[in-house]
Amino acid sequence: MAKAKKKILRRPAPKAPAFPASSLAPQVLEQAAQGWLQSSGATAPAHRPTRPISDDRLAEVLTETLRQLRAEIAELRARLDRLETR
């Protein structure tokens, strides 16, 4: 009886991405895109303020909420400690 040859399975080579990842910093890419937009006559989008007032208010409210939650957790831990020592 003849011995069957073992098939050697080869994995296909990985395909290169359609758009290779850039090694440039995001700021450089942003500046290049803005320059291209300006040279093509397109208007650049208006820059938003870095932190609108509503974001500051939200941050304050979240900070206060976290403070209250931490205080309640500390109180619950103290109560548990007292119950466990009985």
PDB file of N, CA and C in Angstrom:
ATOM      1  N   MET A   1       0.836  -1.167   0.000  1.00  0.00           N
ATOM      2  CA  MET A   1       0.000   0.000   0.000  1.00  0.00           C
ATOM      3  C   MET A   1       0.892   1.246   0.000  1.00  0.00           C
ATOM      4  N   ALA A   2       0.580   2.216  -0.813  1.00  0.00           N
ATOM      5  CA  ALA A   2       1.403   3.411  -0.932  1.00  0.00           C
ATOM      6  C   ALA A   2       1.084   4.364   0.202  1.00  0.00           C
ATOM      7  N   LYS A   3       2.132   5.005   0.687  1.00  0.00           N
ATOM      8  CA  LYS A   3       1.930   5.975   1.767  1.00  0.00           C
ATOM      9  C   LYS A   3       1.384   7.273   1.197  1.00  0.00           C
ATOM     10  N   ALA A   4       0.419   7.851   1.892  1.00  0.00           N
ATOM     11  CA  ALA A   4      -0.151   9.131   1.455  1.00  0.00           C
ATOM     12  C   ALA A   4       0.784  10.260   1.873  1.00  0.00           C
ATOM     13  N   LYS A   5       0.977  11.218   0.984  1.00  0.00           N
ATOM     14  CA  LYS A   5       1.832  12.352   1.309  1.00  0.00           C
ATOM     15  C   LYS A   5       1.065  13.314   2.203  1.00  0.00           C
ATOM     16  N   LYS A   6       1.772  13.845   3.155  1.00  0.00           N
ATOM     17  CA  LYS A   6       1.155  14.846   4.032  1.00  0.00           C
ATOM     18  C   LYS A   6       1.082  16.166   3.298  1.00  0.00           C
ATOM     19  N   LYS A   7      -0.069  16.797   3.395  1.00  0.00           N
ATOM     20  CA  LYS A   7      -0.218  18.109   2.770  1.00  0.00           C
ATOM     21  C   LYS A   7       0.339  19.169   3.702  1.00  0.00           C
ATOM     22  N   ILE A   8       1.085  20.059   3.152  1.00  0.00           N
ATOM     23  CA  ILE A   8       1.626  21.168   3.934  1.00  0.00           C
ATOM     24  C   ILE A   8       0.714  22.363   3.698  1.00  0.00           C
ATOM     25  N   LEU A   9       0.043  22.754   4.727  1.00  0.00           N
ATOM     26  CA  LEU A   9      -0.867  23.888   4.612  1.00  0.00           C
ATOM     27  C   LEU A   9      -0.105  25.175   4.885  1.00  0.00           C
ATOM     28  N   ARG A  10      -0.209  26.093   3.969  1.00  0.00           N
ATOM     29  CA  ARG A  10       0.435  27.391   4.142  1.00  0.00           C
ATOM     30  C   ARG A  10      -0.635  28.434   4.340  1.00  0.00           C
ATOM     31  N   ARG A  11      -0.391  29.262   5.303  1.00  0.00           N
ATOM     32  CA  ARG A  11      -1.323  30.363   5.549  1.00  0.00           C
ATOM     33  C   ARG A  11      -1.064  31.455   4.523  1.00  0.00           C
ATOM     34  N   PRO A  12      -2.136  32.054   4.032  1.00  0.00           N
ATOM     35  CA  PRO A  12      -1.914  33.153   3.080  1.00  0.00           C
ATOM     36  C   PRO A  12      -1.254  34.329   3.784  1.00  0.00           C
ATOM     37  N   ALA A  13      -0.442  35.041   3.046  1.00  0.00           N
ATOM     38  CA  ALA A  13       0.247  36.205   3.613  1.00  0.00           C
ATOM     39  C   ALA A  13      -0.790  37.240   4.025  1.00  0.00           C
ATOM     40  N   PRO A  14      -0.599  37.896   5.178  1.00  0.00           N
ATOM     41  CA  PRO A  14      -1.574  38.907   5.597  1.00  0.00           C
ATOM     42  C   PRO A  14      -1.621  40.049   4.601  1.00  0.00           C
ATOM     43  N   LYS A  15      -2.837  40.492   4.329  1.00  0.00           N
ATOM     44  CA  LYS A  15      -3.012  41.589   3.385  1.00  0.00           C
ATOM     45  C   LYS A  15      -2.651  42.906   4.053  1.00  0.00           C
ATOM     46  N   ALA A  16      -2.059  43.768   3.286  1.00  0.00           N
ATOM     47  CA  ALA A  16      -1.721  45.103   3.791  1.00  0.00           C
ATOM     48  C   ALA A  16      -3.019  45.898   3.904  1.00  0.00           C
ATOM     49  N   PRO A  17      -3.151  46.739   4.935  1.00  0.00           N
ATOM     50  CA  PRO A  17      -4.368  47.546   5.057  1.00  0.00           C
ATOM     51  C   PRO A  17      -4.507  48.491   3.865  1.00  0.00           C
ATOM     52  N   ALA A  18      -5.757  48.805   3.531  1.00  0.00           N
ATOM     53  CA  ALA A  18      -6.020  49.686   2.400  1.00  0.00           C
ATOM     54  C   ALA A  18      -5.348  51.045   2.602  1.00  0.00           C
ATOM     55  N   PHE A  19      -5.378  51.540   3.826  1.00  0.00           N
ATOM     56  CA  PHE A  19      -4.746  52.807   4.170  1.00  0.00           C
ATOM     57  C   PHE A  19      -3.766  52.545   5.295  1.00  0.00           C
ATOM     58  N   PRO A  20      -2.473  52.533   5.007  1.00  0.00           N
ATOM     59  CA  PRO A  20      -1.506  52.234   6.066  1.00  0.00           C
ATOM     60  C   PRO A  20      -1.553  53.288   7.174  1.00  0.00           C
ATOM     61  N   ALA A  21      -1.310  52.817   8.373  1.00  0.00           N
ATOM     62  CA  ALA A  21      -1.321  53.720   9.525  1.00  0.00           C
ATOM     63  C   ALA A  21      -0.189  54.725   9.384  1.00  0.00           C
ATOM     64  N   SER A  22      -0.490  55.952   9.732  1.00  0.00           N
ATOM     65  CA  SER A  22       0.504  57.011   9.614  1.00  0.00           C
ATOM     66  C   SER A  22       1.389  57.032  10.849  1.00  0.00           C
ATOM     67  N   SER A  23       2.651  57.324  10.619  1.00  0.00           N
ATOM     68  CA  SER A  23       3.571  57.453  11.744  1.00  0.00           C
ATOM     69  C   SER A  23       3.698  58.909  12.182  1.00  0.00           C
ATOM     70  N   LEU A  24       2.943  59.783  11.526  1.00  0.00           N
ATOM     71  CA  LEU A  24       3.003  61.193  11.888  1.00  0.00           C
ATOM     72  C   LEU A  24       2.149  61.467  13.119  1.00  0.00           C
ATOM     73  N   ALA A  25       2.550  62.475  13.850  1.00  0.00           N
ATOM     74  CA  ALA A  25       1.789  62.870  15.037  1.00  0.00           C
ATOM     75  C   ALA A  25       0.436  63.428  14.606  1.00  0.00           C
ATOM     76  N   PRO A  26      -0.620  63.239  15.437  1.00  0.00           N
ATOM     77  CA  PRO A  26      -1.943  63.749  15.094  1.00  0.00           C
ATOM     78  C   PRO A  26      -1.961  65.250  14.806  1.00  0.00           C
ATOM     79  N   GLN A  27      -1.137  66.028  15.524  1.00  0.00           N
ATOM     80  CA  GLN A  27      -1.107  67.469  15.291  1.00  0.00           C
ATOM     81  C   GLN A  27      -0.592  67.785  13.893  1.00  0.00           C
ATOM     82  N   VAL A  28       0.410  67.027  13.445  1.00  0.00           N
ATOM     83  CA  VAL A  28       0.973  67.241  12.117  1.00  0.00           C
ATOM     84  C   VAL A  28      -0.079  66.912  11.058  1.00  0.00           C
ATOM     85  N   LEU A  29      -0.792  65.817  11.267  1.00  0.00           N
ATOM     86  CA  LEU A  29      -1.840  65.436  10.327  1.00  0.00           C
ATOM     87  C   LEU A  29      -2.946  66.481  10.290  1.00  0.00           C
ATOM     88  N   GLU A  30      -3.315  66.999  11.444  1.00  0.00           N
ATOM     89  CA  GLU A  30      -4.356  68.030  11.512  1.00  0.00           C
ATOM     90  C   GLU A  30      -3.909  69.285  10.764  1.00  0.00           C
ATOM     91  N   GLN A  31      -2.672  69.711  10.965  1.00  0.00           N
ATOM     92  CA  GLN A  31      -2.160  70.899  10.275  1.00  0.00           C
ATOM     93  C   GLN A  31      -2.121  70.679   8.765  1.00  0.00           C
ATOM     94  N   ALA A  32      -1.713  69.492   8.354  1.00  0.00           N
ATOM     95  CA  ALA A  32      -1.664  69.191   6.924  1.00  0.00           C
ATOM     96  C   ALA A  32      -3.068  69.207   6.324  1.00  0.00           C
ATOM     97  N   ALA A  33      -4.027  68.644   7.050  1.00  0.00           N
ATOM     98  CA  ALA A  33      -5.410  68.628   6.568  1.00  0.00           C
ATOM     99  C   ALA A  33      -5.962  70.049   6.470  1.00  0.00           C
ATOM    100  N   GLN A  34      -5.673  70.876   7.469  1.00  0.00           N
ATOM    101  CA  GLN A  34      -6.138  72.266   7.436  1.00  0.00           C
ATOM    102  C   GLN A  34      -5.513  73.013   6.264  1.00  0.00           C
ATOM    103  N   GLY A  35      -4.224  72.794   6.013  1.00  0.00           N
ATOM    104  CA  GLY A  35      -3.544  73.431   4.894  1.00  0.00           C
ATOM    105  C   GLY A  35      -4.139  73.001   3.561  1.00  0.00           C
ATOM    106  N   TRP A  36      -4.437  71.708   3.459  1.00  0.00           N
ATOM    107  CA  TRP A  36      -5.032  71.201   2.226  1.00  0.00           C
ATOM    108  C   TRP A  36      -6.410  71.813   2.011  1.00  0.00           C
ATOM    109  N   LEU A  37      -7.210  71.890   3.090  1.00  0.00           N
ATOM    110  CA  LEU A  37      -8.537  72.493   2.974  1.00  0.00           C
ATOM    111  C   LEU A  37      -8.441  73.949   2.532  1.00  0.00           C
ATOM    112  N   GLN A  38      -7.513  74.688   3.109  1.00  0.00           N
ATOM    113  CA  GLN A  38      -7.373  76.102   2.761  1.00  0.00           C
ATOM    114  C   GLN A  38      -6.902  76.262   1.321  1.00  0.00           C
ATOM    115  N   SER A  39      -5.986  75.407   0.887  1.00  0.00           N
ATOM    116  CA  SER A  39      -5.478  75.536  -0.475  1.00  0.00           C
ATOM    117  C   SER A  39      -6.523  75.127  -1.505  1.00  0.00           C
ATOM    118  N   SER A  40      -7.452  74.267  -1.119  1.00  0.00           N
ATOM    119  CA  SER A  40      -8.484  73.845  -2.065  1.00  0.00           C
ATOM    120  C   SER A  40      -9.680  74.790  -2.064  1.00  0.00           C
ATOM    121  N   GLY A  41      -9.653  75.798  -1.198  1.00  0.00           N
ATOM    122  CA  GLY A  41     -10.731  76.777  -1.172  1.00  0.00           C
ATOM    123  C   GLY A  41     -11.846  76.435  -0.212  1.00  0.00           C
ATOM    124  N   ALA A  42     -11.768  75.311   0.446  1.00  0.00           N
ATOM    125  CA  ALA A  42     -12.797  74.940   1.414  1.00  0.00           C
ATOM    126  C   ALA A  42     -12.575  75.732   2.693  1.00  0.00           C
ATOM    127  N   THR A  43     -13.648  76.021   3.368  1.00  0.00           N
ATOM    128  CA  THR A  43     -13.514  76.752   4.626  1.00  0.00           C
ATOM    129  C   THR A  43     -13.262  75.764   5.748  1.00  0.00           C
ATOM    130  N   ALA A  44     -12.369  76.110   6.624  1.00  0.00           N
ATOM    131  CA  ALA A  44     -12.061  75.266   7.773  1.00  0.00           C
ATOM    132  C   ALA A  44     -13.173  75.398   8.796  1.00  0.00           C
ATOM    133  N   PRO A  45     -13.503  74.322   9.479  1.00  0.00           N
ATOM    134  CA  PRO A  45     -14.546  74.417  10.502  1.00  0.00           C
ATOM    135  C   PRO A  45     -14.126  75.357  11.621  1.00  0.00           C
ATOM    136  N   ALA A  46     -15.110  76.047  12.168  1.00  0.00           N
ATOM    137  CA  ALA A  46     -14.830  76.977  13.270  1.00  0.00           C
ATOM    138  C   ALA A  46     -14.341  76.189  14.476  1.00  0.00           C
ATOM    139  N   HIS A  47     -13.324  76.705  15.141  1.00  0.00           N
ATOM    140  CA  HIS A  47     -12.794  76.030  16.324  1.00  0.00           C
ATOM    141  C   HIS A  47     -13.726  76.258  17.500  1.00  0.00           C
ATOM    142  N   ARG A  48     -13.991  75.168  18.201  1.00  0.00           N
ATOM    143  CA  ARG A  48     -14.824  75.273  19.393  1.00  0.00           C
ATOM    144  C   ARG A  48     -13.956  75.709  20.558  1.00  0.00           C
ATOM    145  N   PRO A  49     -14.571  76.391  21.533  1.00  0.00           N
ATOM    146  CA  PRO A  49     -13.789  76.727  22.730  1.00  0.00           C
ATOM    147  C   PRO A  49     -13.304  75.440  23.393  1.00  0.00           C
ATOM    148  N   THR A  50     -12.169  75.556  24.071  1.00  0.00           N
ATOM    149  CA  THR A  50     -11.582  74.354  24.643  1.00  0.00           C
ATOM    150  C   THR A  50     -12.472  73.711  25.700  1.00  0.00           C
ATOM    151  N   ARG A  51     -13.053  74.505  26.576  1.00  0.00           N
ATOM    152  CA  ARG A  51     -13.950  73.955  27.599  1.00  0.00           C
ATOM    153  C   ARG A  51     -15.132  74.894  27.776  1.00  0.00           C
ATOM    154  N   PRO A  52     -16.260  74.555  27.201  1.00  0.00           N
ATOM    155  CA  PRO A  52     -17.438  75.407  27.400  1.00  0.00           C
ATOM    156  C   PRO A  52     -17.845  75.457  28.864  1.00  0.00           C
ATOM    157  N   ILE A  53     -18.594  76.485  29.221  1.00  0.00           N
ATOM    158  CA  ILE A  53     -19.044  76.673  30.601  1.00  0.00           C
ATOM    159  C   ILE A  53     -19.831  75.462  31.076  1.00  0.00           C
ATOM    160  N   SER A  54     -20.649  74.883  30.206  1.00  0.00           N
ATOM    161  CA  SER A  54     -21.468  73.739  30.621  1.00  0.00           C
ATOM    162  C   SER A  54     -20.592  72.567  31.045  1.00  0.00           C
ATOM    163  N   ASP A  55     -19.435  72.383  30.398  1.00  0.00           N
ATOM    164  CA  ASP A  55     -18.521  71.318  30.796  1.00  0.00           C
ATOM    165  C   ASP A  55     -17.962  71.570  32.195  1.00  0.00           C
ATOM    166  N   ASP A  56     -17.648  72.834  32.488  1.00  0.00           N
ATOM    167  CA  ASP A  56     -17.142  73.158  33.824  1.00  0.00           C
ATOM    168  C   ASP A  56     -18.198  72.861  34.882  1.00  0.00           C
ATOM    169  N   ARG A  57     -19.437  73.240  34.603  1.00  0.00           N
ATOM    170  CA  ARG A  57     -20.531  72.998  35.558  1.00  0.00           C
ATOM    171  C   ARG A  57     -20.733  71.494  35.756  1.00  0.00           C
ATOM    172  N   LEU A  58     -20.694  70.744  34.661  1.00  0.00           N
ATOM    173  CA  LEU A  58     -20.850  69.296  34.750  1.00  0.00           C
ATOM    174  C   LEU A  58     -19.735  68.684  35.595  1.00  0.00           C
ATOM    175  N   ALA A  59     -18.515  69.139  35.390  1.00  0.00           N
ATOM    176  CA  ALA A  59     -17.388  68.630  36.167  1.00  0.00           C
ATOM    177  C   ALA A  59     -17.572  68.927  37.655  1.00  0.00           C
ATOM    178  N   GLU A  60     -18.070  70.123  37.979  1.00  0.00           N
ATOM    179  CA  GLU A  60     -18.307  70.480  39.389  1.00  0.00           C
ATOM    180  C   GLU A  60     -19.373  69.571  40.004  1.00  0.00           C
ATOM    181  N   VAL A  61     -20.461  69.356  39.273  1.00  0.00           N
ATOM    182  CA  VAL A  61     -21.552  68.530  39.792  1.00  0.00           C
ATOM    183  C   VAL A  61     -21.076  67.094  39.984  1.00  0.00           C
ATOM    184  N   LEU A  62     -20.321  66.569  39.018  1.00  0.00           N
ATOM    185  CA  LEU A  62     -19.810  65.206  39.152  1.00  0.00           C
ATOM    186  C   LEU A  62     -18.849  65.075  40.319  1.00  0.00           C
ATOM    187  N   THR A  63     -18.006  66.071  40.511  1.00  0.00           N
ATOM    188  CA  THR A  63     -17.067  66.047  41.636  1.00  0.00           C
ATOM    189  C   THR A  63     -17.818  66.026  42.958  1.00  0.00           C
ATOM    190  N   GLU A  64     -18.847  66.847  43.067  1.00  0.00           N
ATOM    191  CA  GLU A  64     -19.643  66.880  44.302  1.00  0.00           C
ATOM    192  C   GLU A  64     -20.361  65.547  44.523  1.00  0.00           C
ATOM    193  N   THR A  65     -20.908  64.971  43.450  1.00  0.00           N
ATOM    194  CA  THR A  65     -21.591  63.684  43.564  1.00  0.00           C
ATOM    195  C   THR A  65     -20.629  62.598  44.019  1.00  0.00           C
ATOM    196  N   LEU A  66     -19.434  62.575  43.448  1.00  0.00           N
ATOM    197  CA  LEU A  66     -18.432  61.600  43.869  1.00  0.00           C
ATOM    198  C   LEU A  66     -18.048  61.792  45.328  1.00  0.00           C
ATOM    199  N   ARG A  67     -17.932  63.039  45.769  1.00  0.00           N
ATOM    200  CA  ARG A  67     -17.603  63.310  47.169  1.00  0.00           C
ATOM    201  C   ARG A  67     -18.680  62.743  48.081  1.00  0.00           C
ATOM    202  N   GLN A  68     -19.937  62.957  47.711  1.00  0.00           N
ATOM    203  CA  GLN A  68     -21.050  62.444  48.522  1.00  0.00           C
ATOM    204  C   GLN A  68     -21.060  60.923  48.544  1.00  0.00           C
ATOM    205  N   LEU A  69     -20.819  60.305  47.394  1.00  0.00           N
ATOM    206  CA  LEU A  69     -20.795  58.839  47.341  1.00  0.00           C
ATOM    207  C   LEU A  69     -19.666  58.274  48.190  1.00  0.00           C
ATOM    208  N   ARG A  70     -18.508  58.911  48.139  1.00  0.00           N
ATOM    209  CA  ARG A  70     -17.385  58.439  48.956  1.00  0.00           C
ATOM    210  C   ARG A  70     -17.701  58.565  50.438  1.00  0.00           C
ATOM    211  N   ALA A  71     -18.365  59.641  50.822  1.00  0.00           N
ATOM    212  CA  ALA A  71     -18.735  59.829  52.226  1.00  0.00           C
ATOM    213  C   ALA A  71     -19.728  58.748  52.662  1.00  0.00           C
ATOM    214  N   GLU A  72     -20.708  58.452  51.797  1.00  0.00           N
ATOM    215  CA  GLU A  72     -21.685  57.412  52.135  1.00  0.00           C
ATOM    216  C   GLU A  72     -21.031  56.043  52.219  1.00  0.00           C
ATOM    217  N   ILE A  73     -20.094  55.750  51.314  1.00  0.00           N
ATOM    218  CA  ILE A  73     -19.381  54.472  51.362  1.00  0.00           C
ATOM    219  C   ILE A  73     -18.572  54.360  52.647  1.00  0.00           C
ATOM    220  N   ALA A  74     -17.914  55.438  53.026  1.00  0.00           N
ATOM    221  CA  ALA A  74     -17.133  55.429  54.274  1.00  0.00           C
ATOM    222  C   ALA A  74     -18.051  55.191  55.466  1.00  0.00           C
ATOM    223  N   GLU A  75     -19.227  55.813  55.461  1.00  0.00           N
ATOM    224  CA  GLU A  75     -20.179  55.621  56.557  1.00  0.00           C
ATOM    225  C   GLU A  75     -20.664  54.170  56.600  1.00  0.00           C
ATOM    226  N   LEU A  76     -20.956  53.600  55.445  1.00  0.00           N
ATOM    227  CA  LEU A  76     -21.398  52.200  55.404  1.00  0.00           C
ATOM    228  C   LEU A  76     -20.300  51.253  55.883  1.00  0.00           C
ATOM    229  N   ARG A  77     -19.060  51.540  55.522  1.00  0.00           N
ATOM    230  CA  ARG A  77     -17.954  50.704  56.003  1.00  0.00           C
ATOM    231  C   ARG A  77     -17.829  50.777  57.514  1.00  0.00           C
ATOM    232  N   ALA A  78     -17.990  51.975  58.065  1.00  0.00           N
ATOM    233  CA  ALA A  78     -17.905  52.137  59.520  1.00  0.00           C
ATOM    234  C   ALA A  78     -19.030  51.357  60.198  1.00  0.00           C
ATOM    235  N   ARG A  79     -20.222  51.426  59.632  1.00  0.00           N
ATOM    236  CA  ARG A  79     -21.347  50.683  60.208  1.00  0.00           C
ATOM    237  C   ARG A  79     -21.098  49.180  60.149  1.00  0.00           C
ATOM    238  N   LEU A  80     -20.536  48.704  59.021  1.00  0.00           N
ATOM    239  CA  LEU A  80     -20.217  47.278  58.900  1.00  0.00           C
ATOM    240  C   LEU A  80     -19.168  46.863  59.925  1.00  0.00           C
ATOM    241  N   ASP A  81     -18.178  47.688  60.122  1.00  0.00           N
ATOM    242  CA  ASP A  81     -17.147  47.385  61.122  1.00  0.00           C
ATOM    243  C   ASP A  81     -17.753  47.270  62.509  1.00  0.00           C
ATOM    244  N   ARG A  82     -18.652  48.197  62.824  1.00  0.00           N
ATOM    245  CA  ARG A  82     -19.306  48.136  64.150  1.00  0.00           C
ATOM    246  C   ARG A  82     -20.151  46.879  64.289  1.00  0.00           C
ATOM    247  N   LEU A  83     -20.861  46.476  63.218  1.00  0.00           N
ATOM    248  CA  LEU A  83     -21.688  45.272  63.283  1.00  0.00           C
ATOM    249  C   LEU A  83     -20.830  44.013  63.395  1.00  0.00           C
ATOM    250  N   GLU A  84     -19.686  43.987  62.722  1.00  0.00           N
ATOM    251  CA  GLU A  84     -18.832  42.827  62.768  1.00  0.00           C
ATOM    252  C   GLU A  84     -18.164  42.651  64.121  1.00  0.00           C
ATOM    253  N   THR A  85     -17.948  43.715  64.844  1.00  0.00           N
ATOM    254  CA  THR A  85     -17.283  43.611  66.150  1.00  0.00           C
ATOM    255  C   THR A  85     -18.241  43.218  67.257  1.00  0.00           C
ATOM    256  N   ARG A  86     -19.503  43.192  67.008  1.00  0.00           N
ATOM    257  CA  ARG A  86     -20.477  42.800  68.051  1.00  0.00           C
ATOM    258  C   ARG A  86     -20.450  41.329  68.311  1.00  0.00           C
TER     259      ARG A  86
END
